[in-house]
Amino acid sequence: MKRKIGENVEWKKSPPELIELFAELNGPFECERKKMFGYPVCYVNGNMFTGLYEDKIIIRLSNEEKGEALSKKDLFGPFESMGKTMKQYVSIIDPLTKDRSFIASWLNKSFEYTKSLPPKEKKKR
């Protein structure tokens, strides 16, 4: 079901086991940890490289790596939120059933790609 922007949205909470796995796998990265819409997310140089969304881990990838990931339809899917597909992101499907080293390798790709992007300046309040 597609939602309209501005429409009241209710998201499913991430399972506690997934939140624990996400924290553990992102522990080695020098990054800023925040919450967005109640979900944990990680930033490097002001750019988000990974986060949770409902029962999925989302990662930011280069166009080439995104194409590679999306070719593995049983492992990855496009990241869609509020009726929009987010261009540089994919979601890892059923991450709690995946091998930790598999997820860690893709998180590393996401971190390295995002770290190569120009730093995003913080907005002045």
PDB file of N, CA and C in Angstrom:
ATOM      1  N   MET A   1       0.839  -1.178   0.000  1.00  0.00           N
ATOM      2  CA  MET A   1       0.000   0.000   0.000  1.00  0.00           C
ATOM      3  C   MET A   1       0.884   1.241   0.000  1.00  0.00           C
ATOM      4  N   LYS A   2       0.699   2.090  -0.939  1.00  0.00           N
ATOM      5  CA  LYS A   2       1.460   3.335  -1.032  1.00  0.00           C
ATOM      6  C   LYS A   2       0.834   4.366  -0.107  1.00  0.00           C
ATOM      7  N   ARG A   3       1.683   5.076   0.621  1.00  0.00           N
ATOM      8  CA  ARG A   3       1.207   6.137   1.504  1.00  0.00           C
ATOM      9  C   ARG A   3       1.502   7.476   0.862  1.00  0.00           C
ATOM     10  N   LYS A   4       0.670   8.425   1.162  1.00  0.00           N
ATOM     11  CA  LYS A   4       0.898   9.787   0.693  1.00  0.00           C
ATOM     12  C   LYS A   4       1.780  10.504   1.698  1.00  0.00           C
ATOM     13  N   ILE A   5       2.658  11.360   1.194  1.00  0.00           N
ATOM     14  CA  ILE A   5       3.508  12.153   2.086  1.00  0.00           C
ATOM     15  C   ILE A   5       2.608  13.020   2.956  1.00  0.00           C
ATOM     16  N   GLY A   6       2.913  13.046   4.236  1.00  0.00           N
ATOM     17  CA  GLY A   6       2.111  13.813   5.173  1.00  0.00           C
ATOM     18  C   GLY A   6       1.013  12.982   5.826  1.00  0.00           C
ATOM     19  N   GLU A   7       0.739  11.795   5.257  1.00  0.00           N
ATOM     20  CA  GLU A   7      -0.284  10.920   5.819  1.00  0.00           C
ATOM     21  C   GLU A   7       0.237  10.346   7.134  1.00  0.00           C
ATOM     22  N   ASN A   8      -0.644  10.164   8.094  1.00  0.00           N
ATOM     23  CA  ASN A   8      -0.254   9.590   9.365  1.00  0.00           C
ATOM     24  C   ASN A   8       0.325   8.204   9.121  1.00  0.00           C
ATOM     25  N   VAL A   9       1.531   7.951   9.620  1.00  0.00           N
ATOM     26  CA  VAL A   9       2.219   6.705   9.355  1.00  0.00           C
ATOM     27  C   VAL A   9       2.484   5.993  10.668  1.00  0.00           C
ATOM     28  N   GLU A  10       2.205   4.697  10.693  1.00  0.00           N
ATOM     29  CA  GLU A  10       2.554   3.879  11.844  1.00  0.00           C
ATOM     30  C   GLU A  10       3.540   2.832  11.373  1.00  0.00           C
ATOM     31  N   TRP A  11       4.744   2.856  11.966  1.00  0.00           N
ATOM     32  CA  TRP A  11       5.755   1.892  11.612  1.00  0.00           C
ATOM     33  C   TRP A  11       5.788   0.791  12.654  1.00  0.00           C
ATOM     34  N   LYS A  12       6.133  -0.407  12.192  1.00  0.00           N
ATOM     35  CA  LYS A  12       6.340  -1.504  13.120  1.00  0.00           C
ATOM     36  C   LYS A  12       7.677  -1.283  13.813  1.00  0.00           C
ATOM     37  N   LYS A  13       7.729  -1.580  15.085  1.00  0.00           N
ATOM     38  CA  LYS A  13       8.993  -1.479  15.806  1.00  0.00           C
ATOM     39  C   LYS A  13       9.902  -2.623  15.369  1.00  0.00           C
ATOM     40  N   SER A  14      11.208  -2.353  15.415  1.00  0.00           N
ATOM     41  CA  SER A  14      12.178  -3.403  15.133  1.00  0.00           C
ATOM     42  C   SER A  14      12.200  -4.378  16.300  1.00  0.00           C
ATOM     43  N   PRO A  15      12.335  -5.680  16.005  1.00  0.00           N
ATOM     44  CA  PRO A  15      12.423  -6.652  17.104  1.00  0.00           C
ATOM     45  C   PRO A  15      13.671  -6.404  17.949  1.00  0.00           C
ATOM     46  N   PRO A  16      13.590  -6.627  19.259  1.00  0.00           N
ATOM     47  CA  PRO A  16      14.739  -6.397  20.139  1.00  0.00           C
ATOM     48  C   PRO A  16      15.990  -7.158  19.695  1.00  0.00           C
ATOM     49  N   GLU A  17      15.807  -8.387  19.175  1.00  0.00           N
ATOM     50  CA  GLU A  17      16.956  -9.176  18.716  1.00  0.00           C
ATOM     51  C   GLU A  17      17.667  -8.483  17.548  1.00  0.00           C
ATOM     52  N   LEU A  18      16.902  -7.840  16.686  1.00  0.00           N
ATOM     53  CA  LEU A  18      17.485  -7.138  15.548  1.00  0.00           C
ATOM     54  C   LEU A  18      18.220  -5.880  16.014  1.00  0.00           C
ATOM     55  N   ILE A  19      17.654  -5.183  16.983  1.00  0.00           N
ATOM     56  CA  ILE A  19      18.317  -3.991  17.532  1.00  0.00           C
ATOM     57  C   ILE A  19      19.659  -4.387  18.156  1.00  0.00           C
ATOM     58  N   GLU A  20      19.686  -5.502  18.889  1.00  0.00           N
ATOM     59  CA  GLU A  20      20.929  -5.990  19.496  1.00  0.00           C
ATOM     60  C   GLU A  20      21.948  -6.372  18.422  1.00  0.00           C
ATOM     61  N   LEU A  21      21.508  -7.087  17.396  1.00  0.00           N
ATOM     62  CA  LEU A  21      22.399  -7.485  16.308  1.00  0.00           C
ATOM     63  C   LEU A  21      22.964  -6.264  15.597  1.00  0.00           C
ATOM     64  N   PHE A  22      22.109  -5.288  15.330  1.00  0.00           N
ATOM     65  CA  PHE A  22      22.522  -4.062  14.658  1.00  0.00           C
ATOM     66  C   PHE A  22      23.597  -3.339  15.473  1.00  0.00           C
ATOM     67  N   ALA A  23      23.388  -3.211  16.769  1.00  0.00           N
ATOM     68  CA  ALA A  23      24.363  -2.537  17.645  1.00  0.00           C
ATOM     69  C   ALA A  23      25.689  -3.298  17.661  1.00  0.00           C
ATOM     70  N   GLU A  24      25.606  -4.601  17.736  1.00  0.00           N
ATOM     71  CA  GLU A  24      26.817  -5.430  17.765  1.00  0.00           C
ATOM     72  C   GLU A  24      27.605  -5.306  16.455  1.00  0.00           C
ATOM     73  N   LEU A  25      26.926  -5.403  15.325  1.00  0.00           N
ATOM     74  CA  LEU A  25      27.612  -5.370  14.030  1.00  0.00           C
ATOM     75  C   LEU A  25      28.174  -3.996  13.696  1.00  0.00           C
ATOM     76  N   ASN A  26      27.589  -2.942  14.245  1.00  0.00           N
ATOM     77  CA  ASN A  26      28.077  -1.587  13.981  1.00  0.00           C
ATOM     78  C   ASN A  26      29.062  -1.101  15.029  1.00  0.00           C
ATOM     79  N   GLY A  27      29.303  -1.900  16.056  1.00  0.00           N
ATOM     80  CA  GLY A  27      30.236  -1.533  17.112  1.00  0.00           C
ATOM     81  C   GLY A  27      31.623  -1.144  16.627  1.00  0.00           C
ATOM     82  N   PRO A  28      32.200  -1.876  15.666  1.00  0.00           N
ATOM     83  CA  PRO A  28      33.565  -1.556  15.217  1.00  0.00           C
ATOM     84  C   PRO A  28      33.702  -0.244  14.428  1.00  0.00           C
ATOM     85  N   PHE A  29      32.612   0.281  13.902  1.00  0.00           N
ATOM     86  CA  PHE A  29      32.693   1.470  13.051  1.00  0.00           C
ATOM     87  C   PHE A  29      32.781   2.752  13.889  1.00  0.00           C
ATOM     88  N   GLU A  30      33.697   3.645  13.467  1.00  0.00           N
ATOM     89  CA  GLU A  30      33.747   4.976  14.073  1.00  0.00           C
ATOM     90  C   GLU A  30      32.669   5.797  13.386  1.00  0.00           C
ATOM     91  N   CYS A  31      31.541   5.901  14.040  1.00  0.00           N
ATOM     92  CA  CYS A  31      30.403   6.578  13.438  1.00  0.00           C
ATOM     93  C   CYS A  31      29.555   7.231  14.518  1.00  0.00           C
ATOM     94  N   GLU A  32      28.650   8.066  14.064  1.00  0.00           N
ATOM     95  CA  GLU A  32      27.721   8.721  14.975  1.00  0.00           C
ATOM     96  C   GLU A  32      26.432   7.892  14.995  1.00  0.00           C
ATOM     97  N   ARG A  33      26.003   7.532  16.183  1.00  0.00           N
ATOM     98  CA  ARG A  33      24.790   6.733  16.346  1.00  0.00           C
ATOM     99  C   ARG A  33      23.654   7.638  16.800  1.00  0.00           C
ATOM    100  N   LYS A  34      22.531   7.518  16.107  1.00  0.00           N
ATOM    101  CA  LYS A  34      21.357   8.347  16.405  1.00  0.00           C
ATOM    102  C   LYS A  34      20.109   7.491  16.283  1.00  0.00           C
ATOM    103  N   LYS A  35      18.970   8.148  16.418  1.00  0.00           N
ATOM    104  CA  LYS A  35      17.686   7.518  16.120  1.00  0.00           C
ATOM    105  C   LYS A  35      16.960   8.393  15.109  1.00  0.00           C
ATOM    106  N   MET A  36      16.298   7.737  14.174  1.00  0.00           N
ATOM    107  CA  MET A  36      15.474   8.436  13.197  1.00  0.00           C
ATOM    108  C   MET A  36      14.140   7.703  13.140  1.00  0.00           C
ATOM    109  N   PHE A  37      13.066   8.427  13.410  1.00  0.00           N
ATOM    110  CA  PHE A  37      11.723   7.851  13.479  1.00  0.00           C
ATOM    111  C   PHE A  37      11.672   6.689  14.471  1.00  0.00           C
ATOM    112  N   GLY A  38      12.506   6.769  15.513  1.00  0.00           N
ATOM    113  CA  GLY A  38      12.536   5.739  16.550  1.00  0.00           C
ATOM    114  C   GLY A  38      13.432   4.556  16.243  1.00  0.00           C
ATOM    115  N   TYR A  39      14.053   4.530  15.070  1.00  0.00           N
ATOM    116  CA  TYR A  39      14.935   3.436  14.673  1.00  0.00           C
ATOM    117  C   TYR A  39      16.396   3.858  14.829  1.00  0.00           C
ATOM    118  N   PRO A  40      17.278   2.927  15.246  1.00  0.00           N
ATOM    119  CA  PRO A  40      18.699   3.270  15.317  1.00  0.00           C
ATOM    120  C   PRO A  40      19.282   3.421  13.917  1.00  0.00           C
ATOM    121  N   VAL A  41      20.139   4.419  13.750  1.00  0.00           N
ATOM    122  CA  VAL A  41      20.829   4.676  12.482  1.00  0.00           C
ATOM    123  C   VAL A  41      22.269   5.062  12.790  1.00  0.00           C
ATOM    124  N   CYS A  42      23.148   4.917  11.791  1.00  0.00           N
ATOM    125  CA  CYS A  42      24.552   5.263  11.943  1.00  0.00           C
ATOM    126  C   CYS A  42      24.972   6.182  10.807  1.00  0.00           C
ATOM    127  N   TYR A  43      25.756   7.204  11.168  1.00  0.00           N
ATOM    128  CA  TYR A  43      26.240   8.212  10.227  1.00  0.00           C
ATOM    129  C   TYR A  43      27.760   8.238  10.232  1.00  0.00           C
ATOM    130  N   VAL A  44      28.326   8.543   9.067  1.00  0.00           N
ATOM    131  CA  VAL A  44      29.750   8.829   8.956  1.00  0.00           C
ATOM    132  C   VAL A  44      29.869  10.120   8.157  1.00  0.00           C
ATOM    133  N   ASN A  45      30.638  11.067   8.672  1.00  0.00           N
ATOM    134  CA  ASN A  45      30.793  12.387   8.046  1.00  0.00           C
ATOM    135  C   ASN A  45      29.447  13.065   7.771  1.00  0.00           C
ATOM    136  N   GLY A  46      28.483  12.850   8.644  1.00  0.00           N
ATOM    137  CA  GLY A  46      27.178  13.486   8.502  1.00  0.00           C
ATOM    138  C   GLY A  46      26.238  12.802   7.528  1.00  0.00           C
ATOM    139  N   ASN A  47      26.668  11.698   6.919  1.00  0.00           N
ATOM    140  CA  ASN A  47      25.840  10.951   5.963  1.00  0.00           C
ATOM    141  C   ASN A  47      25.440   9.607   6.565  1.00  0.00           C
ATOM    142  N   MET A  48      24.159   9.266   6.479  1.00  0.00           N
ATOM    143  CA  MET A  48      23.694   7.985   6.999  1.00  0.00           C
ATOM    144  C   MET A  48      24.202   6.852   6.118  1.00  0.00           C
ATOM    145  N   PHE A  49      24.765   5.811   6.756  1.00  0.00           N
ATOM    146  CA  PHE A  49      25.198   4.658   5.968  1.00  0.00           C
ATOM    147  C   PHE A  49      24.384   3.409   6.272  1.00  0.00           C
ATOM    148  N   THR A  50      23.763   3.351   7.425  1.00  0.00           N
ATOM    149  CA  THR A  50      22.933   2.189   7.737  1.00  0.00           C
ATOM    150  C   THR A  50      21.919   2.548   8.812  1.00  0.00           C
ATOM    151  N   GLY A  51      20.892   1.740   8.881  1.00  0.00           N
ATOM    152  CA  GLY A  51      19.873   1.928   9.900  1.00  0.00           C
ATOM    153  C   GLY A  51      18.914   0.752   9.900  1.00  0.00           C
ATOM    154  N   LEU A  52      18.038   0.772  10.854  1.00  0.00           N
ATOM    155  CA  LEU A  52      16.968  -0.221  10.888  1.00  0.00           C
ATOM    156  C   LEU A  52      15.692   0.434  10.405  1.00  0.00           C
ATOM    157  N   TYR A  53      14.853  -0.365   9.780  1.00  0.00           N
ATOM    158  CA  TYR A  53      13.513   0.062   9.390  1.00  0.00           C
ATOM    159  C   TYR A  53      12.624  -1.153   9.520  1.00  0.00           C
ATOM    160  N   GLU A  54      11.743  -1.096  10.496  1.00  0.00           N
ATOM    161  CA  GLU A  54      10.865  -2.215  10.819  1.00  0.00           C
ATOM    162  C   GLU A  54      11.710  -3.459  11.067  1.00  0.00           C
ATOM    163  N   ASP A  55      11.600  -4.508  10.239  1.00  0.00           N
ATOM    164  CA  ASP A  55      12.355  -5.735  10.487  1.00  0.00           C
ATOM    165  C   ASP A  55      13.521  -5.911   9.516  1.00  0.00           C
ATOM    166  N   LYS A  56      14.018  -4.792   8.979  1.00  0.00           N
ATOM    167  CA  LYS A  56      15.088  -4.842   7.985  1.00  0.00           C
ATOM    168  C   LYS A  56      16.256  -3.947   8.391  1.00  0.00           C
ATOM    169  N   ILE A  57      17.439  -4.313   7.879  1.00  0.00           N
ATOM    170  CA  ILE A  57      18.610  -3.447   7.965  1.00  0.00           C
ATOM    171  C   ILE A  57      18.711  -2.759   6.607  1.00  0.00           C
ATOM    172  N   ILE A  58      18.857  -1.443   6.625  1.00  0.00           N
ATOM    173  CA  ILE A  58      19.036  -0.721   5.365  1.00  0.00           C
ATOM    174  C   ILE A  58      20.480  -0.250   5.277  1.00  0.00           C
ATOM    175  N   ILE A  59      21.009  -0.273   4.047  1.00  0.00           N
ATOM    176  CA  ILE A  59      22.386   0.148   3.829  1.00  0.00           C
ATOM    177  C   ILE A  59      22.465   1.029   2.591  1.00  0.00           C
ATOM    178  N   ARG A  60      23.406   1.963   2.620  1.00  0.00           N
ATOM    179  CA  ARG A  60      23.646   2.869   1.497  1.00  0.00           C
ATOM    180  C   ARG A  60      24.794   2.302   0.665  1.00  0.00           C
ATOM    181  N   LEU A  61      24.598   2.240  -0.657  1.00  0.00           N
ATOM    182  CA  LEU A  61      25.601   1.662  -1.535  1.00  0.00           C
ATOM    183  C   LEU A  61      25.822   2.516  -2.772  1.00  0.00           C
ATOM    184  N   SER A  62      26.982   2.320  -3.391  1.00  0.00           N
ATOM    185  CA  SER A  62      27.233   2.935  -4.694  1.00  0.00           C
ATOM    186  C   SER A  62      26.260   2.316  -5.698  1.00  0.00           C
ATOM    187  N   ASN A  63      26.084   2.955  -6.838  1.00  0.00           N
ATOM    188  CA  ASN A  63      25.173   2.418  -7.850  1.00  0.00           C
ATOM    189  C   ASN A  63      25.575   1.008  -8.277  1.00  0.00           C
ATOM    190  N   GLU A  64      26.880   0.785  -8.430  1.00  0.00           N
ATOM    191  CA  GLU A  64      27.374  -0.530  -8.839  1.00  0.00           C
ATOM    192  C   GLU A  64      27.053  -1.590  -7.780  1.00  0.00           C
ATOM    193  N   GLU A  65      27.367  -1.276  -6.519  1.00  0.00           N
ATOM    194  CA  GLU A  65      27.098  -2.236  -5.443  1.00  0.00           C
ATOM    195  C   GLU A  65      25.606  -2.434  -5.228  1.00  0.00           C
ATOM    196  N   LYS A  66      24.828  -1.383  -5.425  1.00  0.00           N
ATOM    197  CA  LYS A  66      23.377  -1.501  -5.290  1.00  0.00           C
ATOM    198  C   LYS A  66      22.838  -2.465  -6.350  1.00  0.00           C
ATOM    199  N   GLY A  67      23.323  -2.332  -7.585  1.00  0.00           N
ATOM    200  CA  GLY A  67      22.905  -3.246  -8.650  1.00  0.00           C
ATOM    201  C   GLY A  67      23.264  -4.680  -8.330  1.00  0.00           C
ATOM    202  N   GLU A  68      24.470  -4.876  -7.790  1.00  0.00           N
ATOM    203  CA  GLU A  68      24.905  -6.220  -7.396  1.00  0.00           C
ATOM    204  C   GLU A  68      23.981  -6.784  -6.313  1.00  0.00           C
ATOM    205  N   ALA A  69      23.707  -5.966  -5.317  1.00  0.00           N
ATOM    206  CA  ALA A  69      22.855  -6.422  -4.209  1.00  0.00           C
ATOM    207  C   ALA A  69      21.453  -6.771  -4.707  1.00  0.00           C
ATOM    208  N   LEU A  70      20.852  -5.892  -5.491  1.00  0.00           N
ATOM    209  CA  LEU A  70      19.475  -6.112  -5.933  1.00  0.00           C
ATOM    210  C   LEU A  70      19.351  -7.287  -6.906  1.00  0.00           C
ATOM    211  N   SER A  71      20.463  -7.734  -7.467  1.00  0.00           N
ATOM    212  CA  SER A  71      20.411  -8.920  -8.331  1.00  0.00           C
ATOM    213  C   SER A  71      20.213 -10.186  -7.491  1.00  0.00           C
ATOM    214  N   LYS A  72      20.445 -10.082  -6.190  1.00  0.00           N
ATOM    215  CA  LYS A  72      20.266 -11.209  -5.258  1.00  0.00           C
ATOM    216  C   LYS A  72      18.927 -11.033  -4.560  1.00  0.00           C
ATOM    217  N   LYS A  73      17.868 -11.326  -5.292  1.00  0.00           N
ATOM    218  CA  LYS A  73      16.497 -11.013  -4.855  1.00  0.00           C
ATOM    219  C   LYS A  73      16.075 -11.694  -3.557  1.00  0.00           C
ATOM    220  N   ASP A  74      16.676 -12.814  -3.219  1.00  0.00           N
ATOM    221  CA  ASP A  74      16.319 -13.489  -1.971  1.00  0.00           C
ATOM    222  C   ASP A  74      17.043 -12.887  -0.762  1.00  0.00           C
ATOM    223  N   LEU A  75      18.021 -11.995  -1.016  1.00  0.00           N
ATOM    224  CA  LEU A  75      18.807 -11.403   0.064  1.00  0.00           C
ATOM    225  C   LEU A  75      18.534  -9.921   0.271  1.00  0.00           C
ATOM    226  N   PHE A  76      18.249  -9.211  -0.837  1.00  0.00           N
ATOM    227  CA  PHE A  76      18.092  -7.759  -0.795  1.00  0.00           C
ATOM    228  C   PHE A  76      16.822  -7.320  -1.506  1.00  0.00           C
ATOM    229  N   GLY A  77      16.340  -6.171  -1.112  1.00  0.00           N
ATOM    230  CA  GLY A  77      15.220  -5.546  -1.798  1.00  0.00           C
ATOM    231  C   GLY A  77      15.430  -4.040  -1.797  1.00  0.00           C
ATOM    232  N   PRO A  78      14.664  -3.332  -2.616  1.00  0.00           N
ATOM    233  CA  PRO A  78      14.765  -1.871  -2.578  1.00  0.00           C
ATOM    234  C   PRO A  78      14.284  -1.375  -1.220  1.00  0.00           C
ATOM    235  N   PHE A  79      14.786  -0.233  -0.794  1.00  0.00           N
ATOM    236  CA  PHE A  79      14.306   0.353   0.455  1.00  0.00           C
ATOM    237  C   PHE A  79      13.227   1.354   0.117  1.00  0.00           C
ATOM    238  N   GLU A  80      12.022   1.062   0.584  1.00  0.00           N
ATOM    239  CA  GLU A  80      10.882   1.935   0.349  1.00  0.00           C
ATOM    240  C   GLU A  80      10.335   2.409   1.685  1.00  0.00           C
ATOM    241  N   SER A  81      10.069   3.708   1.743  1.00  0.00           N
ATOM    242  CA  SER A  81       9.494   4.301   2.948  1.00  0.00           C
ATOM    243  C   SER A  81       8.512   5.382   2.522  1.00  0.00           C
ATOM    244  N   MET A  82       7.354   5.383   3.129  1.00  0.00           N
ATOM    245  CA  MET A  82       6.315   6.375   2.854  1.00  0.00           C
ATOM    246  C   MET A  82       5.992   6.463   1.361  1.00  0.00           C
ATOM    247  N   GLY A  83       5.999   5.314   0.686  1.00  0.00           N
ATOM    248  CA  GLY A  83       5.628   5.274  -0.722  1.00  0.00           C
ATOM    249  C   GLY A  83       6.722   5.682  -1.677  1.00  0.00           C
ATOM    250  N   LYS A  84       7.928   5.925  -1.168  1.00  0.00           N
ATOM    251  CA  LYS A  84       9.045   6.334  -2.030  1.00  0.00           C
ATOM    252  C   LYS A  84      10.172   5.316  -1.936  1.00  0.00           C
ATOM    253  N   THR A  85      10.806   5.063  -3.083  1.00  0.00           N
ATOM    254  CA  THR A  85      11.996   4.230  -3.101  1.00  0.00           C
ATOM    255  C   THR A  85      13.197   5.143  -2.907  1.00  0.00           C
ATOM    256  N   MET A  86      14.010   4.854  -1.913  1.00  0.00           N
ATOM    257  CA  MET A  86      15.182   5.663  -1.610  1.00  0.00           C
ATOM    258  C   MET A  86      16.316   5.230  -2.537  1.00  0.00           C
ATOM    259  N   LYS A  87      16.845   6.191  -3.286  1.00  0.00           N
ATOM    260  CA  LYS A  87      17.767   5.921  -4.401  1.00  0.00           C
ATOM    261  C   LYS A  87      19.002   5.097  -4.041  1.00  0.00           C
ATOM    262  N   GLN A  88      19.739   5.481  -3.051  1.00  0.00           N
ATOM    263  CA  GLN A  88      21.026   4.834  -2.786  1.00  0.00           C
ATOM    264  C   GLN A  88      20.967   3.743  -1.725  1.00  0.00           C
ATOM    265  N   TYR A  89      19.781   3.346  -1.338  1.00  0.00           N
ATOM    266  CA  TYR A  89      19.655   2.392  -0.240  1.00  0.00           C
ATOM    267  C   TYR A  89      18.987   1.103  -0.690  1.00  0.00           C
ATOM    268  N   VAL A  90      19.396   0.016  -0.055  1.00  0.00           N
ATOM    269  CA  VAL A  90      18.731  -1.276  -0.213  1.00  0.00           C
ATOM    270  C   VAL A  90      18.447  -1.810   1.185  1.00  0.00           C
ATOM    271  N   SER A  91      17.545  -2.759   1.266  1.00  0.00           N
ATOM    272  CA  SER A  91      17.273  -3.386   2.551  1.00  0.00           C
ATOM    273  C   SER A  91      17.718  -4.839   2.512  1.00  0.00           C
ATOM    274  N   ILE A  92      18.282  -5.278   3.623  1.00  0.00           N
ATOM    275  CA  ILE A  92      18.648  -6.682   3.781  1.00  0.00           C
ATOM    276  C   ILE A  92      17.395  -7.384   4.296  1.00  0.00           C
ATOM    277  N   ILE A  93      16.909  -8.326   3.516  1.00  0.00           N
ATOM    278  CA  ILE A  93      15.669  -9.030   3.842  1.00  0.00           C
ATOM    279  C   ILE A  93      15.946 -10.074   4.930  1.00  0.00           C
ATOM    280  N   ASP A  94      15.075 -10.125   5.931  1.00  0.00           N
ATOM    281  CA  ASP A  94      15.173 -11.100   7.029  1.00  0.00           C
ATOM    282  C   ASP A  94      16.584 -11.200   7.615  1.00  0.00           C
ATOM    283  N   PRO A  95      17.139 -10.084   8.100  1.00  0.00           N
ATOM    284  CA  PRO A  95      18.531 -10.117   8.567  1.00  0.00           C
ATOM    285  C   PRO A  95      18.782 -11.081   9.722  1.00  0.00           C
ATOM    286  N   LEU A  96      17.765 -11.376  10.520  1.00  0.00           N
ATOM    287  CA  LEU A  96      17.985 -12.290  11.648  1.00  0.00           C
ATOM    288  C   LEU A  96      18.231 -13.720  11.179  1.00  0.00           C
ATOM    289  N   THR A  97      17.911 -14.026   9.928  1.00  0.00           N
ATOM    290  CA  THR A  97      18.136 -15.369   9.398  1.00  0.00           C
ATOM    291  C   THR A  97      19.432 -15.459   8.596  1.00  0.00           C
ATOM    292  N   LYS A  98      20.140 -14.341   8.450  1.00  0.00           N
ATOM    293  CA  LYS A  98      21.353 -14.299   7.636  1.00  0.00           C
ATOM    294  C   LYS A  98      22.597 -14.507   8.500  1.00  0.00           C
ATOM    295  N   ASP A  99      23.645 -14.988   7.870  1.00  0.00           N
ATOM    296  CA  ASP A  99      24.934 -15.158   8.509  1.00  0.00           C
ATOM    297  C   ASP A  99      25.493 -13.789   8.900  1.00  0.00           C
ATOM    298  N   ARG A 100      26.010 -13.664  10.101  1.00  0.00           N
ATOM    299  CA  ARG A 100      26.532 -12.369  10.586  1.00  0.00           C
ATOM    300  C   ARG A 100      27.671 -11.850   9.715  1.00  0.00           C
ATOM    301  N   SER A 101      28.521 -12.743   9.229  1.00  0.00           N
ATOM    302  CA  SER A 101      29.646 -12.288   8.404  1.00  0.00           C
ATOM    303  C   SER A 101      29.149 -11.732   7.070  1.00  0.00           C
ATOM    304  N   PHE A 102      28.044 -12.282   6.553  1.00  0.00           N
ATOM    305  CA  PHE A 102      27.426 -11.759   5.325  1.00  0.00           C
ATOM    306  C   PHE A 102      26.964 -10.324   5.564  1.00  0.00           C
ATOM    307  N   ILE A 103      26.224 -10.103   6.659  1.00  0.00           N
ATOM    308  CA  ILE A 103      25.728  -8.758   6.963  1.00  0.00           C
ATOM    309  C   ILE A 103      26.896  -7.819   7.222  1.00  0.00           C
ATOM    310  N   ALA A 104      27.889  -8.271   7.986  1.00  0.00           N
ATOM    311  CA  ALA A 104      29.040  -7.426   8.308  1.00  0.00           C
ATOM    312  C   ALA A 104      29.781  -6.994   7.050  1.00  0.00           C
ATOM    313  N   SER A 105      29.905  -7.884   6.066  1.00  0.00           N
ATOM    314  CA  SER A 105      30.621  -7.515   4.841  1.00  0.00           C
ATOM    315  C   SER A 105      29.874  -6.421   4.077  1.00  0.00           C
ATOM    316  N   TRP A 106      28.543  -6.491   4.051  1.00  0.00           N
ATOM    317  CA  TRP A 106      27.764  -5.459   3.360  1.00  0.00           C
ATOM    318  C   TRP A 106      27.724  -4.161   4.159  1.00  0.00           C
ATOM    319  N   LEU A 107      27.715  -4.245   5.482  1.00  0.00           N
ATOM    320  CA  LEU A 107      27.804  -3.029   6.297  1.00  0.00           C
ATOM    321  C   LEU A 107      29.145  -2.338   6.053  1.00  0.00           C
ATOM    322  N   ASN A 108      30.206  -3.119   5.913  1.00  0.00           N
ATOM    323  CA  ASN A 108      31.518  -2.540   5.639  1.00  0.00           C
ATOM    324  C   ASN A 108      31.527  -1.838   4.283  1.00  0.00           C
ATOM    325  N   LYS A 109      30.919  -2.462   3.261  1.00  0.00           N
ATOM    326  CA  LYS A 109      30.818  -1.815   1.938  1.00  0.00           C
ATOM    327  C   LYS A 109      30.064  -0.494   2.060  1.00  0.00           C
ATOM    328  N   SER A 110      28.981  -0.513   2.821  1.00  0.00           N
ATOM    329  CA  SER A 110      28.178   0.688   3.005  1.00  0.00           C
ATOM    330  C   SER A 110      28.980   1.773   3.719  1.00  0.00           C
ATOM    331  N   PHE A 111      29.684   1.396   4.779  1.00  0.00           N
ATOM    332  CA  PHE A 111      30.481   2.357   5.538  1.00  0.00           C
ATOM    333  C   PHE A 111      31.560   2.972   4.644  1.00  0.00           C
ATOM    334  N   GLU A 112      32.300   2.132   3.920  1.00  0.00           N
ATOM    335  CA  GLU A 112      33.395   2.630   3.078  1.00  0.00           C
ATOM    336  C   GLU A 112      32.875   3.540   1.968  1.00  0.00           C
ATOM    337  N   TYR A 113      31.764   3.155   1.339  1.00  0.00           N
ATOM    338  CA  TYR A 113      31.204   4.004   0.286  1.00  0.00           C
ATOM    339  C   TYR A 113      30.763   5.350   0.869  1.00  0.00           C
ATOM    340  N   THR A 114      30.016   5.313   1.954  1.00  0.00           N
ATOM    341  CA  THR A 114      29.478   6.542   2.534  1.00  0.00           C
ATOM    342  C   THR A 114      30.596   7.433   3.063  1.00  0.00           C
ATOM    343  N   LYS A 115      31.652   6.813   3.601  1.00  0.00           N
ATOM    344  CA  LYS A 115      32.802   7.572   4.095  1.00  0.00           C
ATOM    345  C   LYS A 115      33.490   8.320   2.946  1.00  0.00           C
ATOM    346  N   SER A 116      33.369   7.807   1.721  1.00  0.00           N
ATOM    347  CA  SER A 116      34.015   8.444   0.568  1.00  0.00           C
ATOM    348  C   SER A 116      33.228   9.647   0.048  1.00  0.00           C
ATOM    349  N   LEU A 117      31.991   9.810   0.509  1.00  0.00           N
ATOM    350  CA  LEU A 117      31.156  10.929   0.064  1.00  0.00           C
ATOM    351  C   LEU A 117      31.612  12.222   0.736  1.00  0.00           C
ATOM    352  N   PRO A 118      31.321  13.369   0.108  1.00  0.00           N
ATOM    353  CA  PRO A 118      31.674  14.640   0.766  1.00  0.00           C
ATOM    354  C   PRO A 118      30.947  14.753   2.112  1.00  0.00           C
ATOM    355  N   PRO A 119      31.647  15.254   3.130  1.00  0.00           N
ATOM    356  CA  PRO A 119      30.994  15.426   4.440  1.00  0.00           C
ATOM    357  C   PRO A 119      29.783  16.345   4.321  1.00  0.00           C
ATOM    358  N   LYS A 120      28.739  16.001   5.039  1.00  0.00           N
ATOM    359  CA  LYS A 120      27.538  16.825   5.064  1.00  0.00           C
ATOM    360  C   LYS A 120      27.649  17.762   6.256  1.00  0.00           C
ATOM    361  N   GLU A 121      27.462  19.036   6.001  1.00  0.00           N
ATOM    362  CA  GLU A 121      27.551  20.006   7.093  1.00  0.00           C
ATOM    363  C   GLU A 121      26.269  19.987   7.907  1.00  0.00           C
ATOM    364  N   LYS A 122      26.431  20.155   9.213  1.00  0.00           N
ATOM    365  CA  LYS A 122      25.266  20.200  10.091  1.00  0.00           C
ATOM    366  C   LYS A 122      24.493  21.481   9.841  1.00  0.00           C
ATOM    367  N   LYS A 123      23.168  21.353   9.856  1.00  0.00           N
ATOM    368  CA  LYS A 123      22.313  22.529   9.664  1.00  0.00           C
ATOM    369  C   LYS A 123      22.358  23.400  10.909  1.00  0.00           C
ATOM    370  N   LYS A 124      22.452  24.699  10.697  1.00  0.00           N
ATOM    371  CA  LYS A 124      22.453  25.630  11.821  1.00  0.00           C
ATOM    372  C   LYS A 124      21.033  25.825  12.294  1.00  0.00           C
ATOM    373  N   ARG A 125      20.875  25.868  13.605  1.00  0.00           N
ATOM    374  CA  ARG A 125      19.534  26.043  14.176  1.00  0.00           C
ATOM    375  C   ARG A 125      19.323  27.461  14.584  1.00  0.00           C
TER     376      ARG A 125
END
